[in-house]
Amino acid sequence: MSLHEHFKPVLSGFEHVKRYWDRQRERVVAKILPGEFYVTKQDEVISTVLGSCISACIYDYKMGIGGMNHFMLPIKKGHADDFEDPLSCRYGNWAMEFLINEILKNGGCRDNLKVKLFGGGKIISSMTDVGEGNIRFVSDFLKQEGLKVESHDVGGPWPRKVLFNPTTGKAQVKKLRSMHNDTIKEREIRYFSEIEQQKSHTDIELF
């Protein structure tokens, strides 16, 4: 099979997400950034790196469809027009709604949904504990929605790299105990600064 044949068309609305061929895993990997999410029916992996942010991995274990989001802050209050705002998914309430709705819209069944949660670390000691707030938010959200958490790896002082295959439900987490920490801290400070401006105008674990 040629490299081109591995890259099957994405579901509508996810054309902007960057994908690449991972030779080691022999899978297409879709890499999501803060404020993005991705849903797929294909045997591919979704990847992201988390600091204080949270990723919810949600999948229909019978239909083999699911996805992952990456949100930075718990709640953005607003109205329906905010669904047009590209920054909306930086907030947990929008990111969770979008992800669940897209899974159901593309053939998933609510009764079959399983959830895995990752992230929420406290990696910037000088900042308020954003991660803890994110963990509290997503736990409350899932209780209200009647969705149970199958497994989780949240909190702690380290960033995480998460890999998730929605067709199998398999997730891998690597804690980045030293490598990339400064880069992730700088990224988080920059993103939180952008959000404020917008307002004003190593070990691998399986889950």
N, C-alpha and C. Protein backbone atom coordinates (compact mmCIF):
# COMPACT_ATOMS: atom_id res chain seq x y z
N MET A 1 0.84 -1.19 0.00
CA MET A 1 0.00 0.00 0.00
C MET A 1 0.88 1.25 0.00
N SER A 2 0.57 2.19 -0.89
CA SER A 2 1.36 3.42 -0.95
C SER A 2 1.01 4.31 0.23
N LEU A 3 1.91 5.26 0.52
CA LEU A 3 1.69 6.18 1.63
C LEU A 3 0.40 6.96 1.42
N HIS A 4 0.14 7.34 0.19
CA HIS A 4 -1.07 8.11 -0.12
C HIS A 4 -2.33 7.33 0.24
N GLU A 5 -2.32 6.02 0.04
CA GLU A 5 -3.50 5.20 0.31
C GLU A 5 -3.83 5.11 1.79
N HIS A 6 -2.83 5.34 2.65
CA HIS A 6 -3.09 5.30 4.09
C HIS A 6 -3.97 6.47 4.53
N PHE A 7 -3.88 7.58 3.81
CA PHE A 7 -4.59 8.80 4.20
C PHE A 7 -5.98 8.82 3.56
N LYS A 8 -6.94 8.20 4.24
CA LYS A 8 -8.31 8.20 3.76
C LYS A 8 -8.96 9.54 4.11
N PRO A 9 -10.01 9.92 3.39
CA PRO A 9 -10.65 11.21 3.66
C PRO A 9 -11.14 11.32 5.10
N VAL A 10 -11.01 12.50 5.66
CA VAL A 10 -11.48 12.73 7.03
C VAL A 10 -12.97 13.01 7.02
N LEU A 11 -13.59 12.93 8.20
CA LEU A 11 -14.99 13.32 8.32
C LEU A 11 -15.12 14.81 8.04
N SER A 12 -16.28 15.21 7.56
CA SER A 12 -16.51 16.62 7.22
C SER A 12 -16.28 17.53 8.42
N GLY A 13 -15.54 18.59 8.20
CA GLY A 13 -15.26 19.56 9.26
C GLY A 13 -13.90 19.41 9.90
N PHE A 14 -13.18 18.34 9.55
CA PHE A 14 -11.87 18.10 10.18
C PHE A 14 -10.71 18.15 9.19
N GLU A 15 -10.96 18.79 8.06
CA GLU A 15 -9.93 18.89 7.02
C GLU A 15 -8.71 19.69 7.47
N HIS A 16 -8.90 20.58 8.45
CA HIS A 16 -7.81 21.45 8.88
C HIS A 16 -6.82 20.76 9.83
N VAL A 17 -7.20 19.62 10.40
CA VAL A 17 -6.35 18.95 11.39
C VAL A 17 -5.15 18.30 10.68
N LYS A 18 -3.97 18.53 11.21
CA LYS A 18 -2.75 17.99 10.59
C LYS A 18 -2.64 16.50 10.87
N ARG A 19 -2.34 15.72 9.82
CA ARG A 19 -2.14 14.27 9.96
C ARG A 19 -0.82 13.88 9.32
N TYR A 20 -0.19 12.85 9.90
CA TYR A 20 1.07 12.36 9.34
C TYR A 20 1.15 10.85 9.52
N TRP A 21 2.04 10.22 8.76
CA TRP A 21 2.23 8.77 8.84
C TRP A 21 3.31 8.46 9.87
N ASP A 22 2.96 7.68 10.89
CA ASP A 22 3.90 7.26 11.92
C ASP A 22 4.43 5.88 11.55
N ARG A 23 5.68 5.83 11.14
CA ARG A 23 6.27 4.55 10.71
C ARG A 23 6.33 3.53 11.84
N GLN A 24 6.64 4.00 13.03
CA GLN A 24 6.77 3.10 14.17
C GLN A 24 5.44 2.40 14.49
N ARG A 25 4.37 3.17 14.49
CA ARG A 25 3.06 2.59 14.81
C ARG A 25 2.33 2.06 13.58
N GLU A 26 2.84 2.41 12.42
CA GLU A 26 2.19 2.06 11.16
C GLU A 26 0.73 2.50 11.16
N ARG A 27 0.55 3.73 11.55
CA ARG A 27 -0.78 4.34 11.61
C ARG A 27 -0.68 5.79 11.16
N VAL A 28 -1.79 6.30 10.64
CA VAL A 28 -1.92 7.74 10.46
C VAL A 28 -2.18 8.35 11.84
N VAL A 29 -1.49 9.45 12.14
CA VAL A 29 -1.68 10.16 13.40
C VAL A 29 -2.24 11.55 13.10
N ALA A 30 -3.35 11.89 13.74
CA ALA A 30 -3.91 13.24 13.67
C ALA A 30 -3.48 13.99 14.91
N LYS A 31 -2.78 15.10 14.71
CA LYS A 31 -2.23 15.86 15.84
C LYS A 31 -3.11 17.08 16.12
N ILE A 32 -3.69 17.12 17.33
CA ILE A 32 -4.54 18.26 17.67
C ILE A 32 -3.83 19.22 18.62
N LEU A 33 -4.14 20.49 18.47
CA LEU A 33 -3.57 21.57 19.27
C LEU A 33 -4.62 22.05 20.26
N PRO A 34 -4.22 22.88 21.25
CA PRO A 34 -5.21 23.44 22.18
C PRO A 34 -6.34 24.13 21.42
N GLY A 35 -7.57 23.83 21.83
CA GLY A 35 -8.72 24.42 21.17
C GLY A 35 -9.22 23.63 19.99
N GLU A 36 -8.56 22.51 19.67
CA GLU A 36 -9.00 21.67 18.55
C GLU A 36 -9.60 20.37 19.07
N PHE A 37 -10.34 19.70 18.19
CA PHE A 37 -10.79 18.33 18.48
C PHE A 37 -10.89 17.60 17.16
N TYR A 38 -10.97 16.27 17.25
CA TYR A 38 -10.95 15.45 16.03
C TYR A 38 -11.78 14.20 16.27
N VAL A 39 -12.59 13.86 15.28
CA VAL A 39 -13.43 12.66 15.36
C VAL A 39 -13.15 11.81 14.13
N THR A 40 -13.10 10.50 14.32
CA THR A 40 -12.78 9.60 13.19
C THR A 40 -13.48 8.25 13.33
N LYS A 41 -13.69 7.60 12.18
CA LYS A 41 -14.17 6.21 12.13
C LYS A 41 -13.05 5.29 11.66
N GLN A 42 -11.89 5.87 11.36
CA GLN A 42 -10.78 5.11 10.78
C GLN A 42 -9.85 4.57 11.87
N ASP A 43 -9.08 3.57 11.49
CA ASP A 43 -8.09 2.99 12.40
C ASP A 43 -6.85 3.88 12.40
N GLU A 44 -7.00 5.04 13.03
CA GLU A 44 -5.90 6.00 13.13
C GLU A 44 -5.80 6.50 14.57
N VAL A 45 -4.72 7.19 14.86
CA VAL A 45 -4.43 7.63 16.22
C VAL A 45 -4.57 9.15 16.30
N ILE A 46 -5.11 9.63 17.42
CA ILE A 46 -5.16 11.07 17.68
C ILE A 46 -4.13 11.36 18.77
N SER A 47 -3.35 12.43 18.57
CA SER A 47 -2.25 12.74 19.48
C SER A 47 -2.32 14.19 19.94
N THR A 48 -1.91 14.44 21.18
CA THR A 48 -1.75 15.81 21.66
C THR A 48 -0.81 15.81 22.86
N VAL A 49 -0.33 17.00 23.23
CA VAL A 49 0.50 17.17 24.42
C VAL A 49 -0.22 18.11 25.37
N LEU A 50 -0.35 17.69 26.63
CA LEU A 50 -1.14 18.42 27.62
C LEU A 50 -0.28 18.93 28.77
N GLY A 51 -0.57 20.15 29.21
CA GLY A 51 -0.02 20.65 30.45
C GLY A 51 -1.17 20.70 31.46
N SER A 52 -1.69 21.92 31.71
CA SER A 52 -2.85 22.05 32.60
C SER A 52 -4.16 21.77 31.85
N CYS A 53 -4.05 21.66 30.53
CA CYS A 53 -5.23 21.38 29.70
C CYS A 53 -5.74 19.96 29.94
N ILE A 54 -6.97 19.73 29.49
CA ILE A 54 -7.59 18.41 29.58
C ILE A 54 -7.91 17.91 28.17
N SER A 55 -7.73 16.63 27.96
CA SER A 55 -8.26 15.95 26.78
C SER A 55 -9.25 14.89 27.23
N ALA A 56 -10.44 14.94 26.67
CA ALA A 56 -11.41 13.87 26.86
C ALA A 56 -11.37 13.00 25.61
N CYS A 57 -11.18 11.71 25.82
CA CYS A 57 -11.22 10.72 24.74
C CYS A 57 -12.56 10.00 24.87
N ILE A 58 -13.42 10.20 23.90
CA ILE A 58 -14.77 9.63 23.96
C ILE A 58 -15.00 8.77 22.73
N TYR A 59 -15.53 7.56 22.95
CA TYR A 59 -15.74 6.67 21.81
C TYR A 59 -16.94 5.76 22.02
N ASP A 60 -17.55 5.38 20.91
CA ASP A 60 -18.62 4.38 20.90
C ASP A 60 -17.94 3.03 20.71
N TYR A 61 -17.93 2.22 21.75
CA TYR A 61 -17.15 0.98 21.72
C TYR A 61 -17.76 -0.08 20.80
N LYS A 62 -19.00 0.11 20.40
CA LYS A 62 -19.62 -0.84 19.48
C LYS A 62 -19.46 -0.43 18.02
N MET A 63 -19.56 0.86 17.76
CA MET A 63 -19.53 1.36 16.38
C MET A 63 -18.12 1.71 15.90
N GLY A 64 -17.15 1.81 16.83
CA GLY A 64 -15.78 2.11 16.42
C GLY A 64 -15.60 3.53 15.91
N ILE A 65 -16.32 4.46 16.52
CA ILE A 65 -16.15 5.87 16.17
C ILE A 65 -15.92 6.65 17.46
N GLY A 66 -15.08 7.67 17.38
CA GLY A 66 -14.83 8.48 18.57
C GLY A 66 -13.88 9.61 18.26
N GLY A 67 -13.46 10.30 19.31
CA GLY A 67 -12.56 11.41 19.09
C GLY A 67 -11.96 11.93 20.38
N MET A 68 -11.20 12.99 20.23
CA MET A 68 -10.50 13.59 21.37
C MET A 68 -10.53 15.10 21.22
N ASN A 69 -10.69 15.80 22.35
CA ASN A 69 -10.59 17.26 22.35
C ASN A 69 -9.39 17.69 23.17
N HIS A 70 -9.17 19.01 23.26
CA HIS A 70 -8.04 19.56 24.02
C HIS A 70 -8.47 20.96 24.44
N PHE A 71 -8.96 21.07 25.70
CA PHE A 71 -9.43 22.39 26.13
C PHE A 71 -8.58 22.94 27.27
N MET A 72 -8.61 24.27 27.40
CA MET A 72 -7.67 24.99 28.26
C MET A 72 -8.28 25.55 29.53
N LEU A 73 -9.54 25.92 29.47
CA LEU A 73 -10.24 26.52 30.61
C LEU A 73 -11.63 25.92 30.69
N PRO A 74 -12.24 25.93 31.88
CA PRO A 74 -13.50 25.22 32.04
C PRO A 74 -14.67 25.74 31.21
N ILE A 75 -15.10 26.97 31.45
CA ILE A 75 -16.39 27.41 30.91
C ILE A 75 -16.28 28.76 30.23
N LYS A 76 -16.88 28.84 29.07
CA LYS A 76 -17.09 30.13 28.42
C LYS A 76 -18.58 30.36 28.37
N LYS A 77 -19.03 31.44 29.01
CA LYS A 77 -20.46 31.77 28.99
C LYS A 77 -20.74 32.53 27.71
N GLY A 78 -21.84 32.20 27.11
CA GLY A 78 -22.18 32.87 25.86
C GLY A 78 -23.48 32.36 25.32
N HIS A 79 -23.66 32.54 24.04
CA HIS A 79 -24.92 32.11 23.41
C HIS A 79 -24.58 31.29 22.17
N ALA A 80 -25.61 30.95 21.43
CA ALA A 80 -25.44 30.01 20.31
C ALA A 80 -24.45 30.51 19.26
N ASP A 81 -24.36 31.84 19.10
CA ASP A 81 -23.46 32.38 18.09
C ASP A 81 -22.01 31.99 18.36
N ASP A 82 -21.69 31.66 19.61
CA ASP A 82 -20.31 31.31 19.94
C ASP A 82 -19.85 30.04 19.25
N PHE A 83 -20.79 29.22 18.74
CA PHE A 83 -20.39 28.03 18.01
C PHE A 83 -19.61 28.38 16.74
N GLU A 84 -19.77 29.63 16.29
CA GLU A 84 -19.03 30.08 15.11
C GLU A 84 -17.64 30.59 15.47
N ASP A 85 -17.39 30.76 16.76
CA ASP A 85 -16.11 31.32 17.21
C ASP A 85 -15.05 30.23 17.21
N PRO A 86 -13.97 30.39 16.43
CA PRO A 86 -12.95 29.33 16.37
C PRO A 86 -12.24 29.11 17.70
N LEU A 87 -12.35 30.07 18.64
CA LEU A 87 -11.69 29.90 19.94
C LEU A 87 -12.58 29.19 20.95
N SER A 88 -13.84 28.91 20.59
CA SER A 88 -14.78 28.35 21.55
C SER A 88 -14.28 27.05 22.17
N CYS A 89 -13.63 26.21 21.36
CA CYS A 89 -13.23 24.90 21.86
C CYS A 89 -12.01 24.96 22.77
N ARG A 90 -11.51 26.16 23.05
CA ARG A 90 -10.51 26.28 24.11
C ARG A 90 -11.17 26.15 25.49
N TYR A 91 -12.49 26.21 25.50
CA TYR A 91 -13.25 26.14 26.75
C TYR A 91 -13.95 24.80 26.86
N GLY A 92 -13.93 24.24 28.07
CA GLY A 92 -14.42 22.89 28.27
C GLY A 92 -15.86 22.66 27.89
N ASN A 93 -16.75 23.59 28.25
CA ASN A 93 -18.17 23.33 27.97
C ASN A 93 -18.42 23.22 26.47
N TRP A 94 -17.78 24.09 25.66
CA TRP A 94 -17.95 24.00 24.22
C TRP A 94 -17.22 22.76 23.66
N ALA A 95 -16.00 22.53 24.14
CA ALA A 95 -15.20 21.41 23.62
C ALA A 95 -15.90 20.07 23.85
N MET A 96 -16.53 19.91 25.01
CA MET A 96 -17.22 18.65 25.31
C MET A 96 -18.49 18.51 24.46
N GLU A 97 -19.25 19.59 24.35
CA GLU A 97 -20.48 19.55 23.54
C GLU A 97 -20.16 19.23 22.08
N PHE A 98 -19.16 19.94 21.53
CA PHE A 98 -18.77 19.72 20.14
C PHE A 98 -18.38 18.26 19.90
N LEU A 99 -17.53 17.73 20.78
CA LEU A 99 -17.01 16.38 20.59
C LEU A 99 -18.14 15.35 20.63
N ILE A 100 -18.97 15.42 21.65
CA ILE A 100 -20.07 14.45 21.77
C ILE A 100 -21.03 14.57 20.58
N ASN A 101 -21.38 15.81 20.22
CA ASN A 101 -22.32 16.01 19.11
C ASN A 101 -21.79 15.45 17.79
N GLU A 102 -20.49 15.65 17.53
CA GLU A 102 -19.91 15.16 16.27
C GLU A 102 -19.86 13.64 16.23
N ILE A 103 -19.60 13.01 17.37
CA ILE A 103 -19.60 11.54 17.43
C ILE A 103 -20.99 11.01 17.13
N LEU A 104 -22.01 11.62 17.75
CA LEU A 104 -23.39 11.17 17.54
C LEU A 104 -23.84 11.46 16.11
N LYS A 105 -23.45 12.62 15.60
CA LYS A 105 -23.85 13.01 14.24
C LYS A 105 -23.30 12.05 13.19
N ASN A 106 -22.13 11.46 13.49
CA ASN A 106 -21.48 10.57 12.52
C ASN A 106 -21.72 9.09 12.80
N GLY A 107 -22.75 8.78 13.58
CA GLY A 107 -23.15 7.39 13.72
C GLY A 107 -22.97 6.77 15.09
N GLY A 108 -22.42 7.53 16.05
CA GLY A 108 -22.27 7.00 17.40
C GLY A 108 -23.59 6.97 18.15
N CYS A 109 -23.66 6.13 19.16
CA CYS A 109 -24.86 6.01 19.99
C CYS A 109 -24.51 6.42 21.42
N ARG A 110 -25.31 7.30 21.98
CA ARG A 110 -25.01 7.83 23.32
C ARG A 110 -24.88 6.72 24.37
N ASP A 111 -25.70 5.71 24.27
CA ASP A 111 -25.68 4.63 25.27
C ASP A 111 -24.39 3.81 25.23
N ASN A 112 -23.65 3.90 24.11
CA ASN A 112 -22.42 3.12 23.96
C ASN A 112 -21.15 3.92 24.27
N LEU A 113 -21.30 5.18 24.65
CA LEU A 113 -20.12 6.03 24.79
C LEU A 113 -19.31 5.69 26.05
N LYS A 114 -17.99 5.62 25.87
CA LYS A 114 -17.07 5.46 26.98
C LYS A 114 -16.10 6.64 26.97
N VAL A 115 -15.61 7.00 28.16
CA VAL A 115 -14.79 8.21 28.30
C VAL A 115 -13.49 7.90 29.04
N LYS A 116 -12.39 8.47 28.53
CA LYS A 116 -11.10 8.45 29.22
C LYS A 116 -10.61 9.89 29.31
N LEU A 117 -10.06 10.26 30.47
CA LEU A 117 -9.65 11.65 30.70
C LEU A 117 -8.16 11.74 31.02
N PHE A 118 -7.52 12.78 30.48
CA PHE A 118 -6.08 12.97 30.71
C PHE A 118 -5.75 14.45 30.84
N GLY A 119 -4.68 14.73 31.59
CA GLY A 119 -4.17 16.10 31.70
C GLY A 119 -4.46 16.74 33.04
N GLY A 120 -4.60 18.07 33.02
CA GLY A 120 -4.89 18.81 34.24
C GLY A 120 -3.72 18.91 35.19
N GLY A 121 -2.49 18.89 34.65
CA GLY A 121 -1.31 19.00 35.51
C GLY A 121 -1.07 20.43 35.99
N LYS A 122 -0.36 20.55 37.08
CA LYS A 122 0.05 21.88 37.56
C LYS A 122 1.52 22.06 37.17
N ILE A 123 1.75 22.64 36.00
CA ILE A 123 3.12 22.73 35.49
C ILE A 123 3.71 24.13 35.60
N ILE A 124 2.86 25.11 35.94
CA ILE A 124 3.37 26.48 36.14
C ILE A 124 3.08 26.86 37.58
N SER A 125 4.09 26.77 38.44
CA SER A 125 3.88 26.93 39.87
C SER A 125 3.39 28.32 40.23
N SER A 126 3.74 29.32 39.42
CA SER A 126 3.37 30.70 39.75
C SER A 126 1.92 31.03 39.39
N MET A 127 1.28 30.14 38.60
CA MET A 127 -0.09 30.41 38.19
C MET A 127 -1.07 29.70 39.11
N THR A 128 -2.32 30.21 39.12
CA THR A 128 -3.35 29.50 39.85
C THR A 128 -3.50 28.11 39.24
N ASP A 129 -4.06 27.18 40.01
CA ASP A 129 -4.11 25.79 39.56
C ASP A 129 -5.23 25.60 38.53
N VAL A 130 -4.92 25.99 37.30
CA VAL A 130 -5.88 25.87 36.20
C VAL A 130 -6.26 24.41 35.99
N GLY A 131 -5.28 23.53 36.10
CA GLY A 131 -5.52 22.10 35.88
C GLY A 131 -6.57 21.54 36.81
N GLU A 132 -6.50 21.93 38.07
CA GLU A 132 -7.47 21.44 39.06
C GLU A 132 -8.88 21.90 38.70
N GLY A 133 -8.99 23.15 38.26
CA GLY A 133 -10.29 23.66 37.84
C GLY A 133 -10.84 22.90 36.63
N ASN A 134 -9.95 22.56 35.70
CA ASN A 134 -10.36 21.79 34.53
C ASN A 134 -10.84 20.39 34.92
N ILE A 135 -10.12 19.77 35.86
CA ILE A 135 -10.50 18.42 36.32
C ILE A 135 -11.89 18.46 36.97
N ARG A 136 -12.11 19.46 37.84
CA ARG A 136 -13.41 19.59 38.51
C ARG A 136 -14.53 19.80 37.49
N PHE A 137 -14.25 20.69 36.53
CA PHE A 137 -15.28 20.98 35.52
C PHE A 137 -15.68 19.72 34.76
N VAL A 138 -14.69 19.00 34.21
CA VAL A 138 -15.03 17.88 33.33
C VAL A 138 -15.68 16.74 34.12
N SER A 139 -15.31 16.57 35.38
CA SER A 139 -15.95 15.55 36.22
C SER A 139 -17.42 15.89 36.42
N ASP A 140 -17.70 17.16 36.73
CA ASP A 140 -19.09 17.59 36.93
C ASP A 140 -19.89 17.49 35.63
N PHE A 141 -19.27 17.88 34.53
CA PHE A 141 -19.95 17.84 33.23
C PHE A 141 -20.39 16.41 32.90
N LEU A 142 -19.48 15.47 33.07
CA LEU A 142 -19.78 14.08 32.73
C LEU A 142 -20.85 13.50 33.64
N LYS A 143 -20.84 13.88 34.92
CA LYS A 143 -21.90 13.42 35.84
C LYS A 143 -23.25 13.93 35.37
N GLN A 144 -23.30 15.21 35.02
CA GLN A 144 -24.56 15.81 34.56
C GLN A 144 -25.06 15.13 33.28
N GLU A 145 -24.13 14.73 32.41
CA GLU A 145 -24.49 14.11 31.15
C GLU A 145 -24.75 12.60 31.29
N GLY A 146 -24.47 12.07 32.49
CA GLY A 146 -24.69 10.65 32.72
C GLY A 146 -23.68 9.76 32.02
N LEU A 147 -22.46 10.30 31.81
CA LEU A 147 -21.40 9.53 31.15
C LEU A 147 -20.34 9.13 32.18
N LYS A 148 -20.02 7.86 32.22
CA LYS A 148 -19.04 7.36 33.19
C LYS A 148 -17.63 7.41 32.63
N VAL A 149 -16.68 7.68 33.53
CA VAL A 149 -15.27 7.70 33.13
C VAL A 149 -14.71 6.28 33.28
N GLU A 150 -14.25 5.75 32.17
CA GLU A 150 -13.71 4.38 32.15
C GLU A 150 -12.32 4.33 32.78
N SER A 151 -11.49 5.34 32.48
CA SER A 151 -10.16 5.43 33.09
C SER A 151 -9.68 6.87 32.98
N HIS A 152 -8.67 7.20 33.78
CA HIS A 152 -8.18 8.57 33.76
C HIS A 152 -6.76 8.64 34.30
N ASP A 153 -6.06 9.69 33.91
CA ASP A 153 -4.74 10.00 34.45
C ASP A 153 -4.65 11.53 34.46
N VAL A 154 -5.00 12.12 35.60
CA VAL A 154 -5.08 13.58 35.69
C VAL A 154 -4.32 14.09 36.91
N GLY A 155 -4.01 15.41 36.88
CA GLY A 155 -3.31 16.04 37.99
C GLY A 155 -1.82 15.78 37.95
N GLY A 156 -1.15 16.09 39.05
CA GLY A 156 0.30 15.90 39.12
C GLY A 156 1.06 17.08 38.53
N PRO A 157 2.38 17.07 38.65
CA PRO A 157 3.19 18.22 38.24
C PRO A 157 3.77 18.13 36.83
N TRP A 158 3.36 17.16 36.03
CA TRP A 158 4.05 16.95 34.75
C TRP A 158 3.10 17.07 33.56
N PRO A 159 3.66 17.45 32.41
CA PRO A 159 2.92 17.40 31.15
C PRO A 159 2.78 15.95 30.70
N ARG A 160 1.90 15.73 29.75
CA ARG A 160 1.65 14.40 29.22
C ARG A 160 1.51 14.43 27.70
N LYS A 161 2.00 13.39 27.07
CA LYS A 161 1.67 13.16 25.67
C LYS A 161 0.64 12.03 25.63
N VAL A 162 -0.45 12.26 24.91
CA VAL A 162 -1.55 11.29 24.85
C VAL A 162 -1.73 10.81 23.41
N LEU A 163 -1.90 9.51 23.26
CA LEU A 163 -2.20 8.89 21.97
C LEU A 163 -3.47 8.06 22.14
N PHE A 164 -4.44 8.26 21.26
CA PHE A 164 -5.73 7.59 21.43
C PHE A 164 -6.23 7.09 20.08
N ASN A 165 -6.65 5.81 20.06
CA ASN A 165 -7.25 5.22 18.86
C ASN A 165 -8.74 4.99 19.14
N PRO A 166 -9.61 5.83 18.57
CA PRO A 166 -11.04 5.73 18.86
C PRO A 166 -11.69 4.43 18.38
N THR A 167 -11.14 3.79 17.36
CA THR A 167 -11.77 2.56 16.87
C THR A 167 -11.56 1.39 17.82
N THR A 168 -10.50 1.44 18.62
CA THR A 168 -10.24 0.37 19.59
C THR A 168 -10.45 0.82 21.03
N GLY A 169 -10.43 2.15 21.27
CA GLY A 169 -10.53 2.68 22.62
C GLY A 169 -9.22 2.66 23.38
N LYS A 170 -8.14 2.26 22.71
CA LYS A 170 -6.84 2.17 23.37
C LYS A 170 -6.20 3.55 23.49
N ALA A 171 -5.75 3.89 24.69
CA ALA A 171 -5.05 5.15 24.93
C ALA A 171 -3.69 4.88 25.56
N GLN A 172 -2.70 5.64 25.15
CA GLN A 172 -1.36 5.58 25.75
C GLN A 172 -0.99 6.96 26.27
N VAL A 173 -0.38 6.99 27.43
CA VAL A 173 0.04 8.26 28.02
C VAL A 173 1.52 8.18 28.39
N LYS A 174 2.24 9.19 27.98
CA LYS A 174 3.64 9.29 28.37
C LYS A 174 3.82 10.57 29.18
N LYS A 175 4.26 10.42 30.43
CA LYS A 175 4.54 11.59 31.26
C LYS A 175 5.89 12.18 30.86
N LEU A 176 5.88 13.47 30.56
CA LEU A 176 7.10 14.15 30.11
C LEU A 176 7.74 14.79 31.33
N ARG A 177 8.59 14.03 32.01
CA ARG A 177 9.07 14.46 33.32
C ARG A 177 10.09 15.59 33.26
N SER A 178 10.82 15.69 32.14
CA SER A 178 11.75 16.81 32.03
C SER A 178 11.74 17.41 30.63
N MET A 179 11.76 16.53 29.63
CA MET A 179 11.79 16.96 28.25
C MET A 179 10.56 17.79 27.89
N HIS A 180 10.74 18.85 27.20
CA HIS A 180 9.67 19.71 26.67
C HIS A 180 8.99 20.57 27.73
N ASN A 181 9.33 20.42 29.00
CA ASN A 181 8.57 21.14 30.02
C ASN A 181 8.58 22.64 29.80
N ASP A 182 9.76 23.21 29.52
CA ASP A 182 9.84 24.66 29.32
C ASP A 182 9.02 25.09 28.12
N THR A 183 9.08 24.31 27.06
CA THR A 183 8.31 24.62 25.85
C THR A 183 6.82 24.64 26.16
N ILE A 184 6.35 23.65 26.91
CA ILE A 184 4.92 23.56 27.23
C ILE A 184 4.51 24.71 28.15
N LYS A 185 5.37 25.05 29.12
CA LYS A 185 5.06 26.18 29.99
C LYS A 185 4.93 27.47 29.19
N GLU A 186 5.88 27.68 28.29
CA GLU A 186 5.84 28.90 27.45
C GLU A 186 4.57 28.91 26.60
N ARG A 187 4.22 27.76 26.07
CA ARG A 187 3.02 27.68 25.23
C ARG A 187 1.78 28.02 26.03
N GLU A 188 1.69 27.47 27.25
CA GLU A 188 0.51 27.72 28.06
C GLU A 188 0.40 29.19 28.44
N ILE A 189 1.52 29.78 28.83
CA ILE A 189 1.49 31.20 29.18
C ILE A 189 1.03 32.03 27.99
N ARG A 190 1.50 31.67 26.81
CA ARG A 190 1.13 32.41 25.59
C ARG A 190 -0.36 32.23 25.29
N TYR A 191 -0.87 31.00 25.39
CA TYR A 191 -2.28 30.77 25.08
C TYR A 191 -3.19 31.46 26.08
N PHE A 192 -2.85 31.39 27.36
CA PHE A 192 -3.68 32.05 28.36
C PHE A 192 -3.69 33.56 28.16
N SER A 193 -2.54 34.10 27.74
CA SER A 193 -2.45 35.52 27.43
C SER A 193 -3.37 35.87 26.26
N GLU A 194 -3.39 35.00 25.23
CA GLU A 194 -4.26 35.23 24.07
C GLU A 194 -5.73 35.20 24.48
N ILE A 195 -6.08 34.29 25.38
CA ILE A 195 -7.46 34.19 25.84
C ILE A 195 -7.85 35.47 26.59
N GLU A 196 -6.95 35.97 27.44
CA GLU A 196 -7.23 37.21 28.16
C GLU A 196 -7.45 38.36 27.18
N GLN A 197 -6.61 38.43 26.15
CA GLN A 197 -6.76 39.49 25.14
C GLN A 197 -8.10 39.35 24.43
N GLN A 198 -8.50 38.11 24.16
CA GLN A 198 -9.77 37.86 23.47
C GLN A 198 -10.92 38.32 24.35
N LYS A 199 -10.82 38.09 25.65
CA LYS A 199 -11.87 38.51 26.57
C LYS A 199 -12.00 40.03 26.55
N SER A 200 -10.84 40.67 26.62
CA SER A 200 -10.88 42.12 26.69
C SER A 200 -11.30 42.68 25.36
N HIS A 201 -11.15 42.19 24.34
CA HIS A 201 -11.80 42.65 23.13
C HIS A 201 -12.22 41.39 22.46
N THR A 202 7.33 9.78 30.64
CA THR A 202 8.18 9.16 29.99
C THR A 202 8.06 7.75 30.02
N ASP A 203 7.18 7.78 31.00
CA ASP A 203 6.79 6.35 30.99
C ASP A 203 5.45 6.27 30.29
N ILE A 204 5.28 5.21 29.48
CA ILE A 204 4.02 5.06 28.76
C ILE A 204 3.09 4.17 29.58
N GLU A 205 1.86 4.66 29.78
CA GLU A 205 0.86 3.88 30.49
C GLU A 205 -0.33 3.69 29.58
N LEU A 206 -0.97 2.53 29.70
CA LEU A 206 -2.14 2.24 28.88
C LEU A 206 -3.41 2.47 29.69
N PHE A 207 -4.41 3.01 29.03
CA PHE A 207 -5.69 3.29 29.70
C PHE A 207 -6.85 2.81 28.85
